[in-house]
């Protein structure tokens, strides 16, 4: 199989046995939290509001990080017109 894919055996097994780093695990948890908050707000909250809610929950995170994660996930807040 490795010959067909033109991959070394050691490279394949290194990839197969790879474990996630603590930073990757933390980012996945934060991404899930951001996604939940965004959906609970009916897609209305942007990164500043999501950041403030995460901070109230005890997370230390910057607005820039939340905005980047929301952009990566394709989460964009809806604008509500004020009449």
PDB file of N, CA and C in Angstrom:
ATOM      1  N   UNK A   1       0.825  -1.183   0.000  1.00  0.00           N
ATOM      2  CA  UNK A   1       0.000   0.000   0.000  1.00  0.00           C
ATOM      3  C   UNK A   1       0.875   1.255   0.000  1.00  0.00           C
ATOM      4  N   UNK A   2       1.940   1.247   0.785  1.00  0.00           N
ATOM      5  CA  UNK A   2       2.817   2.411   0.857  1.00  0.00           C
ATOM      6  C   UNK A   2       3.496   2.678  -0.482  1.00  0.00           C
ATOM      7  N   UNK A   3       3.823   1.612  -1.223  1.00  0.00           N
ATOM      8  CA  UNK A   3       4.464   1.787  -2.528  1.00  0.00           C
ATOM      9  C   UNK A   3       3.501   2.435  -3.515  1.00  0.00           C
ATOM     10  N   UNK A   4       2.245   2.042  -3.465  1.00  0.00           N
ATOM     11  CA  UNK A   4       1.245   2.607  -4.377  1.00  0.00           C
ATOM     12  C   UNK A   4       1.065   4.094  -4.108  1.00  0.00           C
ATOM     13  N   UNK A   5       1.041   4.466  -2.837  1.00  0.00           N
ATOM     14  CA  UNK A   5       0.854   5.864  -2.460  1.00  0.00           C
ATOM     15  C   UNK A   5       2.153   6.656  -2.462  1.00  0.00           C
ATOM     16  N   UNK A   6       3.266   5.981  -2.722  1.00  0.00           N
ATOM     17  CA  UNK A   6       4.590   6.604  -2.754  1.00  0.00           C
ATOM     18  C   UNK A   6       4.917   7.279  -1.415  1.00  0.00           C
ATOM     19  N   UNK A   7       4.690   6.502  -0.336  1.00  0.00           N
ATOM     20  CA  UNK A   7       4.954   6.973   1.017  1.00  0.00           C
ATOM     21  C   UNK A   7       5.839   5.938   1.705  1.00  0.00           C
ATOM     22  N   UNK A   8       6.796   6.409   2.488  1.00  0.00           N
ATOM     23  CA  UNK A   8       7.652   5.465   3.208  1.00  0.00           C
ATOM     24  C   UNK A   8       6.857   4.797   4.331  1.00  0.00           C
ATOM     25  N   UNK A   9       7.254   3.577   4.684  1.00  0.00           N
ATOM     26  CA  UNK A   9       6.560   2.855   5.749  1.00  0.00           C
ATOM     27  C   UNK A   9       6.682   3.587   7.076  1.00  0.00           C
ATOM     28  N   UNK A  10       7.871   4.109   7.349  1.00  0.00           N
ATOM     29  CA  UNK A  10       8.065   4.813   8.621  1.00  0.00           C
ATOM     30  C   UNK A  10       7.206   6.083   8.674  1.00  0.00           C
ATOM     31  N   UNK A  11       7.092   6.765   7.545  1.00  0.00           N
ATOM     32  CA  UNK A  11       6.257   7.962   7.486  1.00  0.00           C
ATOM     33  C   UNK A  11       4.787   7.648   7.701  1.00  0.00           C
ATOM     34  N   UNK A  12       4.336   6.532   7.129  1.00  0.00           N
ATOM     35  CA  UNK A  12       2.941   6.116   7.300  1.00  0.00           C
ATOM     36  C   UNK A  12       2.641   5.808   8.761  1.00  0.00           C
ATOM     37  N   UNK A  13       3.514   5.028   9.400  1.00  0.00           N
ATOM     38  CA  UNK A  13       3.256   4.654  10.787  1.00  0.00           C
ATOM     39  C   UNK A  13       3.402   5.846  11.727  1.00  0.00           C
ATOM     40  N   UNK A  14       4.265   6.776  11.399  1.00  0.00           N
ATOM     41  CA  UNK A  14       4.376   7.983  12.208  1.00  0.00           C
ATOM     42  C   UNK A  14       3.079   8.781  12.125  1.00  0.00           C
ATOM     43  N   UNK A  15       2.518   8.897  10.915  1.00  0.00           N
ATOM     44  CA  UNK A  15       1.251   9.599  10.729  1.00  0.00           C
ATOM     45  C   UNK A  15       0.111   8.864  11.436  1.00  0.00           C
ATOM     46  N   UNK A  16       0.097   7.548  11.338  1.00  0.00           N
ATOM     47  CA  UNK A  16      -0.976   6.738  11.923  1.00  0.00           C
ATOM     48  C   UNK A  16      -0.986   6.826  13.444  1.00  0.00           C
ATOM     49  N   UNK A  17       0.177   6.847  14.064  1.00  0.00           N
ATOM     50  CA  UNK A  17       0.278   6.852  15.521  1.00  0.00           C
ATOM     51  C   UNK A  17       0.391   8.250  16.121  1.00  0.00           C
ATOM     52  N   UNK A  18       0.193   9.270  15.307  1.00  0.00           N
ATOM     53  CA  UNK A  18       0.304  10.651  15.765  1.00  0.00           C
ATOM     54  C   UNK A  18      -0.785  10.964  16.791  1.00  0.00           C
ATOM     55  N   UNK A  19      -0.400  11.597  17.893  1.00  0.00           N
ATOM     56  CA  UNK A  19      -1.368  12.049  18.893  1.00  0.00           C
ATOM     57  C   UNK A  19      -1.484  13.563  18.803  1.00  0.00           C
ATOM     58  N   UNK A  20      -2.629  14.071  19.192  1.00  0.00           N
ATOM     59  CA  UNK A  20      -2.855  15.512  19.130  1.00  0.00           C
ATOM     60  C   UNK A  20      -2.105  16.204  20.258  1.00  0.00           C
ATOM     61  N   UNK A  21      -1.598  17.382  19.947  1.00  0.00           N
ATOM     62  CA  UNK A  21      -0.889  18.164  20.951  1.00  0.00           C
ATOM     63  C   UNK A  21      -1.914  18.834  21.872  1.00  0.00           C
ATOM     64  N   UNK A  22      -1.486  19.246  23.056  1.00  0.00           N
ATOM     65  CA  UNK A  22      -2.412  19.941  23.969  1.00  0.00           C
ATOM     66  C   UNK A  22      -3.009  21.205  23.343  1.00  0.00           C
ATOM     67  N   UNK A  23      -2.228  21.884  22.520  1.00  0.00           N
ATOM     68  CA  UNK A  23      -2.726  23.097  21.870  1.00  0.00           C
ATOM     69  C   UNK A  23      -3.832  22.775  20.871  1.00  0.00           C
ATOM     70  N   UNK A  24      -3.668  21.679  20.122  1.00  0.00           N
ATOM     71  CA  UNK A  24      -4.707  21.272  19.176  1.00  0.00           C
ATOM     72  C   UNK A  24      -5.988  20.893  19.907  1.00  0.00           C
ATOM     73  N   UNK A  25      -5.853  20.192  21.016  1.00  0.00           N
ATOM     74  CA  UNK A  25      -7.019  19.792  21.805  1.00  0.00           C
ATOM     75  C   UNK A  25      -7.730  21.022  22.358  1.00  0.00           C
ATOM     76  N   UNK A  26      -6.954  21.989  22.861  1.00  0.00           N
ATOM     77  CA  UNK A  26      -7.532  23.214  23.405  1.00  0.00           C
ATOM     78  C   UNK A  26      -8.257  23.999  22.314  1.00  0.00           C
ATOM     79  N   UNK A  27      -7.661  24.076  21.123  1.00  0.00           N
ATOM     80  CA  UNK A  27      -8.296  24.814  20.033  1.00  0.00           C
ATOM     81  C   UNK A  27      -9.611  24.157  19.624  1.00  0.00           C
ATOM     82  N   UNK A  28      -9.649  22.832  19.611  1.00  0.00           N
ATOM     83  CA  UNK A  28     -10.887  22.131  19.266  1.00  0.00           C
ATOM     84  C   UNK A  28     -11.973  22.398  20.300  1.00  0.00           C
ATOM     85  N   UNK A  29     -11.605  22.431  21.589  1.00  0.00           N
ATOM     86  CA  UNK A  29     -12.580  22.722  22.636  1.00  0.00           C
ATOM     87  C   UNK A  29     -13.121  24.141  22.497  1.00  0.00           C
ATOM     88  N   UNK A  30     -12.230  25.094  22.258  1.00  0.00           N
ATOM     89  CA  UNK A  30     -12.651  26.484  22.101  1.00  0.00           C
ATOM     90  C   UNK A  30     -13.540  26.628  20.874  1.00  0.00           C
ATOM     91  N   UNK A  31     -13.188  25.938  19.794  1.00  0.00           N
ATOM     92  CA  UNK A  31     -13.989  25.998  18.576  1.00  0.00           C
ATOM     93  C   UNK A  31     -15.398  25.473  18.835  1.00  0.00           C
ATOM     94  N   UNK A  32     -15.517  24.388  19.586  1.00  0.00           N
ATOM     95  CA  UNK A  32     -16.841  23.848  19.920  1.00  0.00           C
ATOM     96  C   UNK A  32     -17.637  24.841  20.754  1.00  0.00           C
ATOM     97  N   UNK A  33     -16.986  25.478  21.728  1.00  0.00           N
ATOM     98  CA  UNK A  33     -17.665  26.462  22.573  1.00  0.00           C
ATOM     99  C   UNK A  33     -18.138  27.649  21.743  1.00  0.00           C
ATOM    100  N   UNK A  34     -17.287  28.138  20.850  1.00  0.00           N
ATOM    101  CA  UNK A  34     -17.656  29.265  19.995  1.00  0.00           C
ATOM    102  C   UNK A  34     -18.843  28.884  19.124  1.00  0.00           C
ATOM    103  N   UNK A  35     -18.807  27.697  18.566  1.00  0.00           N
ATOM    104  CA  UNK A  35     -19.889  27.237  17.696  1.00  0.00           C
ATOM    105  C   UNK A  35     -21.203  27.147  18.476  1.00  0.00           C
ATOM    106  N   UNK A  36     -21.166  26.630  19.699  1.00  0.00           N
ATOM    107  CA  UNK A  36     -22.378  26.527  20.526  1.00  0.00           C
ATOM    108  C   UNK A  36     -22.946  27.904  20.851  1.00  0.00           C
ATOM    109  N   UNK A  37     -22.086  28.829  21.266  1.00  0.00           N
ATOM    110  CA  UNK A  37     -22.534  30.186  21.588  1.00  0.00           C
ATOM    111  C   UNK A  37     -23.136  30.844  20.358  1.00  0.00           C
ATOM    112  N   UNK A  38     -22.498  30.657  19.217  1.00  0.00           N
ATOM    113  CA  UNK A  38     -22.970  31.266  17.975  1.00  0.00           C
ATOM    114  C   UNK A  38     -24.350  30.734  17.603  1.00  0.00           C
ATOM    115  N   UNK A  39     -24.552  29.430  17.721  1.00  0.00           N
ATOM    116  CA  UNK A  39     -25.851  28.844  17.376  1.00  0.00           C
ATOM    117  C   UNK A  39     -26.929  29.214  18.391  1.00  0.00           C
ATOM    118  N   UNK A  40     -26.571  29.301  19.671  1.00  0.00           N
ATOM    119  CA  UNK A  40     -27.540  29.703  20.694  1.00  0.00           C
ATOM    120  C   UNK A  40     -28.020  31.131  20.475  1.00  0.00           C
ATOM    121  N   UNK A  41     -27.181  31.961  19.876  1.00  0.00           N
ATOM    122  CA  UNK A  41     -27.562  33.350  19.615  1.00  0.00           C
ATOM    123  C   UNK A  41     -28.338  33.487  18.307  1.00  0.00           C
ATOM    124  N   UNK A  42     -28.660  32.369  17.694  1.00  0.00           N
ATOM    125  CA  UNK A  42     -29.346  32.330  16.391  1.00  0.00           C
ATOM    126  C   UNK A  42     -28.525  33.064  15.324  1.00  0.00           C
ATOM    127  N   UNK A  43     -27.218  32.881  15.389  1.00  0.00           N
ATOM    128  CA  UNK A  43     -26.259  33.430  14.417  1.00  0.00           C
ATOM    129  C   UNK A  43     -26.214  34.952  14.426  1.00  0.00           C
ATOM    130  N   UNK A  44     -26.499  35.561  15.574  1.00  0.00           N
ATOM    131  CA  UNK A  44     -26.506  37.019  15.660  1.00  0.00           C
ATOM    132  C   UNK A  44     -25.228  37.593  16.254  1.00  0.00           C
ATOM    133  N   UNK A  45     -24.552  36.854  17.130  1.00  0.00           N
ATOM    134  CA  UNK A  45     -23.391  37.385  17.832  1.00  0.00           C
ATOM    135  C   UNK A  45     -22.143  37.337  16.964  1.00  0.00           C
ATOM    136  N   UNK A  46     -21.395  38.437  17.009  1.00  0.00           N
ATOM    137  CA  UNK A  46     -20.107  38.487  16.339  1.00  0.00           C
ATOM    138  C   UNK A  46     -18.996  38.158  17.326  1.00  0.00           C
ATOM    139  N   UNK A  47     -17.769  38.369  16.896  1.00  0.00           N
ATOM    140  CA  UNK A  47     -16.633  37.995  17.739  1.00  0.00           C
ATOM    141  C   UNK A  47     -16.543  38.786  19.050  1.00  0.00           C
ATOM    142  N   UNK A  48     -16.906  40.091  19.095  1.00  0.00           N
ATOM    143  CA  UNK A  48     -16.809  40.783  20.388  1.00  0.00           C
ATOM    144  C   UNK A  48     -17.747  40.201  21.450  1.00  0.00           C
ATOM    145  N   UNK A  49     -18.977  39.918  21.055  1.00  0.00           N
ATOM    146  CA  UNK A  49     -19.954  39.379  22.007  1.00  0.00           C
ATOM    147  C   UNK A  49     -19.594  37.947  22.410  1.00  0.00           C
ATOM    148  N   UNK A  50     -19.149  37.139  21.459  1.00  0.00           N
ATOM    149  CA  UNK A  50     -18.747  35.765  21.765  1.00  0.00           C
ATOM    150  C   UNK A  50     -17.552  35.782  22.719  1.00  0.00           C
ATOM    151  N   UNK A  51     -16.616  36.695  22.489  1.00  0.00           N
ATOM    152  CA  UNK A  51     -15.444  36.815  23.362  1.00  0.00           C
ATOM    153  C   UNK A  51     -15.857  37.162  24.784  1.00  0.00           C
ATOM    154  N   UNK A  52     -16.782  38.118  24.928  1.00  0.00           N
ATOM    155  CA  UNK A  52     -17.209  38.505  26.276  1.00  0.00           C
ATOM    156  C   UNK A  52     -17.911  37.353  26.990  1.00  0.00           C
ATOM    157  N   UNK A  53     -18.694  36.553  26.265  1.00  0.00           N
ATOM    158  CA  UNK A  53     -19.362  35.405  26.882  1.00  0.00           C
ATOM    159  C   UNK A  53     -18.361  34.323  27.282  1.00  0.00           C
ATOM    160  N   UNK A  54     -17.332  34.120  26.466  1.00  0.00           N
ATOM    161  CA  UNK A  54     -16.297  33.146  26.816  1.00  0.00           C
ATOM    162  C   UNK A  54     -15.524  33.602  28.054  1.00  0.00           C
ATOM    163  N   UNK A  55     -15.263  34.893  28.143  1.00  0.00           N
ATOM    164  CA  UNK A  55     -14.549  35.419  29.310  1.00  0.00           C
ATOM    165  C   UNK A  55     -15.396  35.296  30.569  1.00  0.00           C
ATOM    166  N   UNK A  56     -16.706  35.500  30.442  1.00  0.00           N
ATOM    167  CA  UNK A  56     -17.597  35.321  31.592  1.00  0.00           C
ATOM    168  C   UNK A  56     -17.602  33.866  32.050  1.00  0.00           C
ATOM    169  N   UNK A  57     -17.391  32.953  31.104  1.00  0.00           N
ATOM    170  CA  UNK A  57     -17.350  31.524  31.431  1.00  0.00           C
ATOM    171  C   UNK A  57     -15.991  31.112  32.003  1.00  0.00           C
ATOM    172  N   UNK A  58     -15.042  32.057  32.053  1.00  0.00           N
ATOM    173  CA  UNK A  58     -13.748  31.760  32.662  1.00  0.00           C
ATOM    174  C   UNK A  58     -12.624  31.483  31.678  1.00  0.00           C
ATOM    175  N   UNK A  59     -12.849  31.660  30.402  1.00  0.00           N
ATOM    176  CA  UNK A  59     -11.806  31.439  29.393  1.00  0.00           C
ATOM    177  C   UNK A  59     -10.985  32.709  29.220  1.00  0.00           C
ATOM    178  N   UNK A  60      -9.668  32.540  29.091  1.00  0.00           N
ATOM    179  CA  UNK A  60      -8.794  33.666  28.762  1.00  0.00           C
ATOM    180  C   UNK A  60      -8.513  33.581  27.273  1.00  0.00           C
ATOM    181  N   UNK A  61      -9.141  34.464  26.504  1.00  0.00           N
ATOM    182  CA  UNK A  61      -9.014  34.415  25.051  1.00  0.00           C
ATOM    183  C   UNK A  61      -9.185  35.823  24.502  1.00  0.00           C
ATOM    184  N   UNK A  62      -8.472  36.127  23.426  1.00  0.00           N
ATOM    185  CA  UNK A  62      -8.563  37.455  22.839  1.00  0.00           C
ATOM    186  C   UNK A  62      -9.636  37.487  21.755  1.00  0.00           C
ATOM    187  N   UNK A  63     -10.093  38.686  21.482  1.00  0.00           N
ATOM    188  CA  UNK A  63     -11.117  38.860  20.445  1.00  0.00           C
ATOM    189  C   UNK A  63     -10.556  38.482  19.074  1.00  0.00           C
ATOM    190  N   UNK A  64      -9.283  38.747  18.877  1.00  0.00           N
ATOM    191  CA  UNK A  64      -8.637  38.416  17.607  1.00  0.00           C
ATOM    192  C   UNK A  64      -8.652  36.907  17.355  1.00  0.00           C
ATOM    193  N   UNK A  65      -8.403  36.134  18.402  1.00  0.00           N
ATOM    194  CA  UNK A  65      -8.412  34.675  18.282  1.00  0.00           C
ATOM    195  C   UNK A  65      -9.809  34.173  17.958  1.00  0.00           C
ATOM    196  N   UNK A  66     -10.816  34.726  18.638  1.00  0.00           N
ATOM    197  CA  UNK A  66     -12.202  34.325  18.378  1.00  0.00           C
ATOM    198  C   UNK A  66     -12.586  34.682  16.947  1.00  0.00           C
ATOM    199  N   UNK A  67     -12.197  35.870  16.494  1.00  0.00           N
ATOM    200  CA  UNK A  67     -12.519  36.285  15.128  1.00  0.00           C
ATOM    201  C   UNK A  67     -11.858  35.359  14.109  1.00  0.00           C
ATOM    202  N   UNK A  68     -10.616  34.965  14.360  1.00  0.00           N
ATOM    203  CA  UNK A  68      -9.911  34.071  13.441  1.00  0.00           C
ATOM    204  C   UNK A  68     -10.584  32.708  13.377  1.00  0.00           C
ATOM    205  N   UNK A  69     -10.952  32.167  14.535  1.00  0.00           N
ATOM    206  CA  UNK A  69     -11.606  30.856  14.567  1.00  0.00           C
ATOM    207  C   UNK A  69     -12.967  30.928  13.884  1.00  0.00           C
ATOM    208  N   UNK A  70     -13.710  32.006  14.130  1.00  0.00           N
ATOM    209  CA  UNK A  70     -15.020  32.149  13.485  1.00  0.00           C
ATOM    210  C   UNK A  70     -14.865  32.240  11.971  1.00  0.00           C
ATOM    211  N   UNK A  71     -13.843  32.930  11.515  1.00  0.00           N
ATOM    212  CA  UNK A  71     -13.608  33.043  10.077  1.00  0.00           C
ATOM    213  C   UNK A  71     -13.234  31.692   9.485  1.00  0.00           C
ATOM    214  N   UNK A  72     -12.376  30.937  10.181  1.00  0.00           N
ATOM    215  CA  UNK A  72     -11.984  29.606   9.704  1.00  0.00           C
ATOM    216  C   UNK A  72     -13.185  28.676   9.599  1.00  0.00           C
ATOM    217  N   UNK A  73     -14.130  28.804  10.539  1.00  0.00           N
ATOM    218  CA  UNK A  73     -15.301  27.935  10.569  1.00  0.00           C
ATOM    219  C   UNK A  73     -16.441  28.451   9.687  1.00  0.00           C
ATOM    220  N   UNK A  74     -16.285  29.641   9.129  1.00  0.00           N
ATOM    221  CA  UNK A  74     -17.326  30.209   8.268  1.00  0.00           C
ATOM    222  C   UNK A  74     -18.506  30.758   9.051  1.00  0.00           C
ATOM    223  N   UNK A  75     -18.273  31.152  10.301  1.00  0.00           N
ATOM    224  CA  UNK A  75     -19.337  31.698  11.138  1.00  0.00           C
ATOM    225  C   UNK A  75     -19.350  33.211  10.990  1.00  0.00           C
ATOM    226  N   UNK A  76     -20.419  33.727  10.417  1.00  0.00           N
ATOM    227  CA  UNK A  76     -20.528  35.161  10.193  1.00  0.00           C
ATOM    228  C   UNK A  76     -21.861  35.625  10.759  1.00  0.00           C
ATOM    229  N   UNK A  77     -21.822  36.659  11.578  1.00  0.00           N
ATOM    230  CA  UNK A  77     -23.041  37.118  12.229  1.00  0.00           C
ATOM    231  C   UNK A  77     -23.952  37.825  11.230  1.00  0.00           C
ATOM    232  N   UNK A  78     -25.245  37.710  11.505  1.00  0.00           N
ATOM    233  CA  UNK A  78     -26.221  38.416  10.682  1.00  0.00           C
ATOM    234  C   UNK A  78     -26.387  39.812  11.252  1.00  0.00           C
ATOM    235  N   UNK A  79     -26.593  40.769  10.406  1.00  0.00           N
ATOM    236  CA  UNK A  79     -26.839  42.124  10.866  1.00  0.00           C
ATOM    237  C   UNK A  79     -28.341  42.350  10.914  1.00  0.00           C
ATOM    238  N   UNK A  80     -28.785  42.986  11.980  1.00  0.00           N
ATOM    239  CA  UNK A  80     -30.201  43.278  12.158  1.00  0.00           C
ATOM    240  C   UNK A  80     -30.387  44.763  11.938  1.00  0.00           C
ATOM    241  N   UNK A  81     -31.306  45.105  11.054  1.00  0.00           N
ATOM    242  CA  UNK A  81     -31.556  46.513  10.767  1.00  0.00           C
ATOM    243  C   UNK A  81     -32.379  47.126  11.891  1.00  0.00           C
ATOM    244  N   UNK A  82     -31.985  48.310  12.300  1.00  0.00           N
ATOM    245  CA  UNK A  82     -32.724  49.034  13.327  1.00  0.00           C
ATOM    246  C   UNK A  82     -33.586  50.079  12.628  1.00  0.00           C
ATOM    247  N   UNK A  83     -34.861  50.024  12.885  1.00  0.00           N
ATOM    248  CA  UNK A  83     -35.775  50.990  12.253  1.00  0.00           C
ATOM    249  C   UNK A  83     -36.236  51.997  13.253  1.00  0.00           C
TER     250      UNK A  83
END
